[in-house]
Amino acid sequence: MKPRTALLFILFLLPLTLTACNSEPKEPPDLRGEWKQVLSGDRDEEPEYYCVGTITDDKMEIYYYFTADGSRDLYWAGSYTPPDSAKEPYTWTSKNELPDPEDYRRYRYASRDETMDFTYKKGKITYTVAPSQALRMIATLERVTDENG
């Protein structure tokens, strides 16, 4: 290789090397906070209900929010395991921690599943909602607030 060609090659690689040295590893996402279901944009009127959720250090809860009166009914109360890397998608299995699974009147809309799988990708959380034995759908939540406000 000619000296001039070698010099051009080194000058080309130098910025790439410096950029790689300055890049810092990504932090795992902090999913703690309030979440709200993403609704399709083609609705003309407000839905009767949608899902809202809260994630804390080690617990998560998801509710059906009824727009007519602003009431909420528990759908999921379970464990939460925060991600330990920035790799996406991040999937975790939440263990059901329903306060009293035998109190069907109080938690009439709550899932009776022992576990539920959740996935975080590109700022959204997805999971399967099963409001009845015959109906299953994918729900997507987006962040409303984080733990700090």
C-alpha atoms as a PDB file:
ATOM      1  CA  MET A   1       0.000   0.000   0.000  1.00  0.00           C
ATOM      2  CA  LYS A   2       1.329   3.421  -0.913  1.00  0.00           C
ATOM      3  CA  PRO A   3       1.992   5.841   1.970  1.00  0.00           C
ATOM      4  CA  ARG A   4      -0.615   8.275   0.683  1.00  0.00           C
ATOM      5  CA  THR A   5      -3.272   5.558   0.441  1.00  0.00           C
ATOM      6  CA  ALA A   6      -2.394   4.320   3.933  1.00  0.00           C
ATOM      7  CA  LEU A   7      -2.705   7.857   5.327  1.00  0.00           C
ATOM      8  CA  LEU A   8      -6.121   8.326   3.703  1.00  0.00           C
ATOM      9  CA  PHE A   9      -7.236   4.978   5.084  1.00  0.00           C
ATOM     10  CA  ILE A  10      -6.140   5.926   8.619  1.00  0.00           C
ATOM     11  CA  LEU A  11      -7.835   9.336   8.359  1.00  0.00           C
ATOM     12  CA  PHE A  12     -11.028   7.584   7.280  1.00  0.00           C
ATOM     13  CA  LEU A  13     -10.961   5.136  10.222  1.00  0.00           C
ATOM     14  CA  LEU A  14      -9.961   7.673  12.911  1.00  0.00           C
ATOM     15  CA  PRO A  15     -13.429   9.295  13.342  1.00  0.00           C
ATOM     16  CA  LEU A  16     -15.063   5.876  13.526  1.00  0.00           C
ATOM     17  CA  THR A  17     -12.666   4.797  16.242  1.00  0.00           C
ATOM     18  CA  LEU A  18     -13.195   7.961  18.295  1.00  0.00           C
ATOM     19  CA  THR A  19     -16.967   7.660  18.016  1.00  0.00           C
ATOM     20  CA  ALA A  20     -16.857   4.091  19.280  1.00  0.00           C
ATOM     21  CA  CYS A  21     -14.754   5.136  22.282  1.00  0.00           C
ATOM     22  CA  ASN A  22     -17.193   7.869  23.287  1.00  0.00           C
ATOM     23  CA  SER A  23     -20.376   5.844  23.010  1.00  0.00           C
ATOM     24  CA  GLU A  24     -21.678   4.873  26.413  1.00  0.00           C
ATOM     25  CA  PRO A  25     -23.611   1.714  27.074  1.00  0.00           C
ATOM     26  CA  LYS A  26     -27.361   2.256  27.153  1.00  0.00           C
ATOM     27  CA  GLU A  27     -29.115   2.066  30.487  1.00  0.00           C
ATOM     28  CA  PRO A  28     -32.046  -0.316  30.953  1.00  0.00           C
ATOM     29  CA  PRO A  29     -35.381   1.475  30.534  1.00  0.00           C
ATOM     30  CA  ASP A  30     -37.198   2.517  33.702  1.00  0.00           C
ATOM     31  CA  LEU A  31     -40.773   1.340  33.219  1.00  0.00           C
ATOM     32  CA  ARG A  32     -42.086   2.580  36.558  1.00  0.00           C
ATOM     33  CA  GLY A  33     -44.988   5.005  36.277  1.00  0.00           C
ATOM     34  CA  GLU A  34     -48.459   5.341  34.784  1.00  0.00           C
ATOM     35  CA  TRP A  35     -49.481   3.749  31.476  1.00  0.00           C
ATOM     36  CA  LYS A  36     -52.567   4.085  29.276  1.00  0.00           C
ATOM     37  CA  GLN A  37     -53.909   1.905  26.474  1.00  0.00           C
ATOM     38  CA  VAL A  38     -53.202   3.069  22.938  1.00  0.00           C
ATOM     39  CA  LEU A  39     -56.521   3.341  21.127  1.00  0.00           C
ATOM     40  CA  SER A  40     -56.967   3.250  17.370  1.00  0.00           C
ATOM     41  CA  GLY A  41     -57.179   6.680  15.750  1.00  0.00           C
ATOM     42  CA  ASP A  42     -60.240   5.908  13.648  1.00  0.00           C
ATOM     43  CA  ARG A  43     -62.770   6.237  16.484  1.00  0.00           C
ATOM     44  CA  ASP A  44     -65.363   8.981  16.256  1.00  0.00           C
ATOM     45  CA  GLU A  45     -66.444   8.713  19.864  1.00  0.00           C
ATOM     46  CA  GLU A  46     -64.829   7.980  23.200  1.00  0.00           C
ATOM     47  CA  PRO A  47     -64.660   4.255  24.004  1.00  0.00           C
ATOM     48  CA  GLU A  48     -66.734   2.804  26.831  1.00  0.00           C
ATOM     49  CA  TYR A  49     -63.557   1.636  28.556  1.00  0.00           C
ATOM     50  CA  TYR A  50     -59.826   1.258  28.096  1.00  0.00           C
ATOM     51  CA  CYS A  51     -56.938  -0.107  30.151  1.00  0.00           C
ATOM     52  CA  VAL A  52     -54.673   1.900  32.437  1.00  0.00           C
ATOM     53  CA  GLY A  53     -51.740   0.588  34.423  1.00  0.00           C
ATOM     54  CA  THR A  54     -49.216   1.395  37.121  1.00  0.00           C
ATOM     55  CA  ILE A  55     -45.752  -0.094  37.505  1.00  0.00           C
ATOM     56  CA  THR A  56     -43.712   0.311  40.710  1.00  0.00           C
ATOM     57  CA  ASP A  57     -40.371  -1.201  41.743  1.00  0.00           C
ATOM     58  CA  ASP A  58     -41.664  -4.777  41.886  1.00  0.00           C
ATOM     59  CA  LYS A  59     -45.430  -4.697  41.281  1.00  0.00           C
ATOM     60  CA  MET A  60     -47.802  -3.836  38.482  1.00  0.00           C
ATOM     61  CA  GLU A  61     -51.540  -3.298  38.263  1.00  0.00           C
ATOM     62  CA  ILE A  62     -53.792  -2.929  35.245  1.00  0.00           C
ATOM     63  CA  TYR A  63     -57.361  -1.665  35.428  1.00  0.00           C
ATOM     64  CA  TYR A  64     -60.287  -1.276  33.085  1.00  0.00           C
ATOM     65  CA  TYR A  65     -61.117   2.440  33.147  1.00  0.00           C
ATOM     66  CA  PHE A  66     -64.784   3.150  32.414  1.00  0.00           C
ATOM     67  CA  THR A  67     -65.223   6.531  30.729  1.00  0.00           C
ATOM     68  CA  ALA A  68     -68.892   7.015  31.621  1.00  0.00           C
ATOM     69  CA  ASP A  69     -68.260   7.429  35.339  1.00  0.00           C
ATOM     70  CA  GLY A  70     -64.459   7.373  35.735  1.00  0.00           C
ATOM     71  CA  SER A  71     -64.541   4.138  37.732  1.00  0.00           C
ATOM     72  CA  ARG A  72     -61.834   1.512  37.558  1.00  0.00           C
ATOM     73  CA  ASP A  73     -61.982  -2.258  37.938  1.00  0.00           C
ATOM     74  CA  LEU A  74     -58.885  -4.331  38.566  1.00  0.00           C
ATOM     75  CA  TYR A  75     -57.823  -6.593  35.695  1.00  0.00           C
ATOM     76  CA  TRP A  76     -54.303  -7.591  36.766  1.00  0.00           C
ATOM     77  CA  ALA A  77     -52.297  -7.299  39.983  1.00  0.00           C
ATOM     78  CA  GLY A  78     -48.957  -9.002  39.741  1.00  0.00           C
ATOM     79  CA  SER A  79     -45.220  -9.028  40.114  1.00  0.00           C
ATOM     80  CA  TYR A  80     -42.895  -6.925  37.992  1.00  0.00           C
ATOM     81  CA  THR A  81     -39.260  -7.604  37.155  1.00  0.00           C
ATOM     82  CA  PRO A  82     -37.401  -4.573  35.760  1.00  0.00           C
ATOM     83  CA  PRO A  83     -35.071  -5.045  32.789  1.00  0.00           C
ATOM     84  CA  ASP A  84     -31.364  -5.443  33.503  1.00  0.00           C
ATOM     85  CA  SER A  85     -30.222  -4.376  30.030  1.00  0.00           C
ATOM     86  CA  ALA A  86     -31.304  -2.017  27.255  1.00  0.00           C
ATOM     87  CA  LYS A  87     -31.862  -4.901  24.827  1.00  0.00           C
ATOM     88  CA  GLU A  88     -35.309  -4.880  23.226  1.00  0.00           C
ATOM     89  CA  PRO A  89     -37.754  -6.415  23.152  1.00  0.00           C
ATOM     90  CA  TYR A  90     -37.826  -6.993  26.901  1.00  0.00           C
ATOM     91  CA  THR A  91     -40.271  -9.680  28.010  1.00  0.00           C
ATOM     92  CA  TRP A  92     -41.204 -10.626  31.552  1.00  0.00           C
ATOM     93  CA  THR A  93     -43.688 -12.964  33.150  1.00  0.00           C
ATOM     94  CA  SER A  94     -45.797 -11.435  35.891  1.00  0.00           C
ATOM     95  CA  LYS A  95     -47.097 -13.714  38.649  1.00  0.00           C
ATOM     96  CA  ASN A  96     -50.701 -13.086  39.669  1.00  0.00           C
ATOM     97  CA  GLU A  97     -50.906 -11.416  43.091  1.00  0.00           C
ATOM     98  CA  LEU A  98     -54.626 -10.673  43.147  1.00  0.00           C
ATOM     99  CA  PRO A  99     -55.363  -9.541  46.712  1.00  0.00           C
ATOM    100  CA  ASP A 100     -58.167 -12.081  47.242  1.00  0.00           C
ATOM    101  CA  PRO A 101     -58.838 -14.265  44.205  1.00  0.00           C
ATOM    102  CA  GLU A 102     -61.877 -15.834  45.915  1.00  0.00           C
ATOM    103  CA  ASP A 103     -63.674 -12.479  46.194  1.00  0.00           C
ATOM    104  CA  TYR A 104     -65.249 -12.662  42.729  1.00  0.00           C
ATOM    105  CA  ARG A 105     -67.769  -9.891  43.392  1.00  0.00           C
ATOM    106  CA  ARG A 106     -65.060  -7.385  44.281  1.00  0.00           C
ATOM    107  CA  TYR A 107     -62.728  -8.364  41.422  1.00  0.00           C
ATOM    108  CA  ARG A 108     -65.284  -9.393  38.804  1.00  0.00           C
ATOM    109  CA  TYR A 109     -63.093  -8.334  35.830  1.00  0.00           C
ATOM    110  CA  ALA A 110     -59.781  -9.596  37.233  1.00  0.00           C
ATOM    111  CA  SER A 111     -57.811 -12.213  35.360  1.00  0.00           C
ATOM    112  CA  ARG A 112     -57.628 -15.582  37.087  1.00  0.00           C
ATOM    113  CA  ASP A 113     -54.518 -16.593  35.110  1.00  0.00           C
ATOM    114  CA  GLU A 114     -51.576 -17.634  37.284  1.00  0.00           C
ATOM    115  CA  THR A 115     -49.136 -15.679  35.117  1.00  0.00           C
ATOM    116  CA  MET A 116     -49.221 -13.176  32.284  1.00  0.00           C
ATOM    117  CA  ASP A 117     -46.503 -12.293  29.765  1.00  0.00           C
ATOM    118  CA  PHE A 118     -45.666  -8.659  28.985  1.00  0.00           C
ATOM    119  CA  THR A 119     -43.352  -7.221  26.321  1.00  0.00           C
ATOM    120  CA  TYR A 120     -41.712  -3.782  26.245  1.00  0.00           C
ATOM    121  CA  LYS A 121     -40.496  -2.505  22.875  1.00  0.00           C
ATOM    122  CA  LYS A 122     -40.005   0.998  21.478  1.00  0.00           C
ATOM    123  CA  GLY A 123     -41.680   2.729  24.420  1.00  0.00           C
ATOM    124  CA  LYS A 124     -44.771   0.526  24.511  1.00  0.00           C
ATOM    125  CA  ILE A 125     -45.917  -2.442  26.586  1.00  0.00           C
ATOM    126  CA  THR A 126     -48.038  -5.173  25.007  1.00  0.00           C
ATOM    127  CA  TYR A 127     -49.916  -8.078  26.570  1.00  0.00           C
ATOM    128  CA  THR A 128     -52.914 -10.286  25.854  1.00  0.00           C
ATOM    129  CA  VAL A 129     -56.232  -9.235  27.367  1.00  0.00           C
ATOM    130  CA  ALA A 130     -58.849 -11.918  27.791  1.00  0.00           C
ATOM    131  CA  PRO A 131     -62.067 -10.277  29.020  1.00  0.00           C
ATOM    132  CA  SER A 132     -63.860 -13.591  28.460  1.00  0.00           C
ATOM    133  CA  GLN A 133     -63.014 -17.191  27.638  1.00  0.00           C
ATOM    134  CA  ALA A 134     -63.946 -16.607  23.982  1.00  0.00           C
ATOM    135  CA  LEU A 135     -62.325 -13.209  23.433  1.00  0.00           C
ATOM    136  CA  ARG A 136     -58.591 -12.531  23.405  1.00  0.00           C
ATOM    137  CA  MET A 137     -56.903  -9.393  22.093  1.00  0.00           C
ATOM    138  CA  ILE A 138     -53.553  -7.652  22.276  1.00  0.00           C
ATOM    139  CA  ALA A 139     -53.495  -4.471  24.354  1.00  0.00           C
ATOM    140  CA  THR A 140     -50.787  -1.840  23.958  1.00  0.00           C
ATOM    141  CA  LEU A 141     -49.935   0.639  26.687  1.00  0.00           C
ATOM    142  CA  GLU A 142     -47.891   3.820  26.372  1.00  0.00           C
ATOM    143  CA  ARG A 143     -46.368   5.848  29.178  1.00  0.00           C
ATOM    144  CA  VAL A 144     -48.427   8.657  30.673  1.00  0.00           C
ATOM    145  CA  THR A 145     -46.023   9.590  33.495  1.00  0.00           C
ATOM    146  CA  ASP A 146     -42.886   8.135  34.963  1.00  0.00           C
ATOM    147  CA  GLU A 147     -42.290   7.510  38.667  1.00  0.00           C
ATOM    148  CA  ASN A 148     -40.757  10.972  39.082  1.00  0.00           C
ATOM    149  CA  GLY A 149     -43.770  12.843  37.734  1.00  0.00           C
END
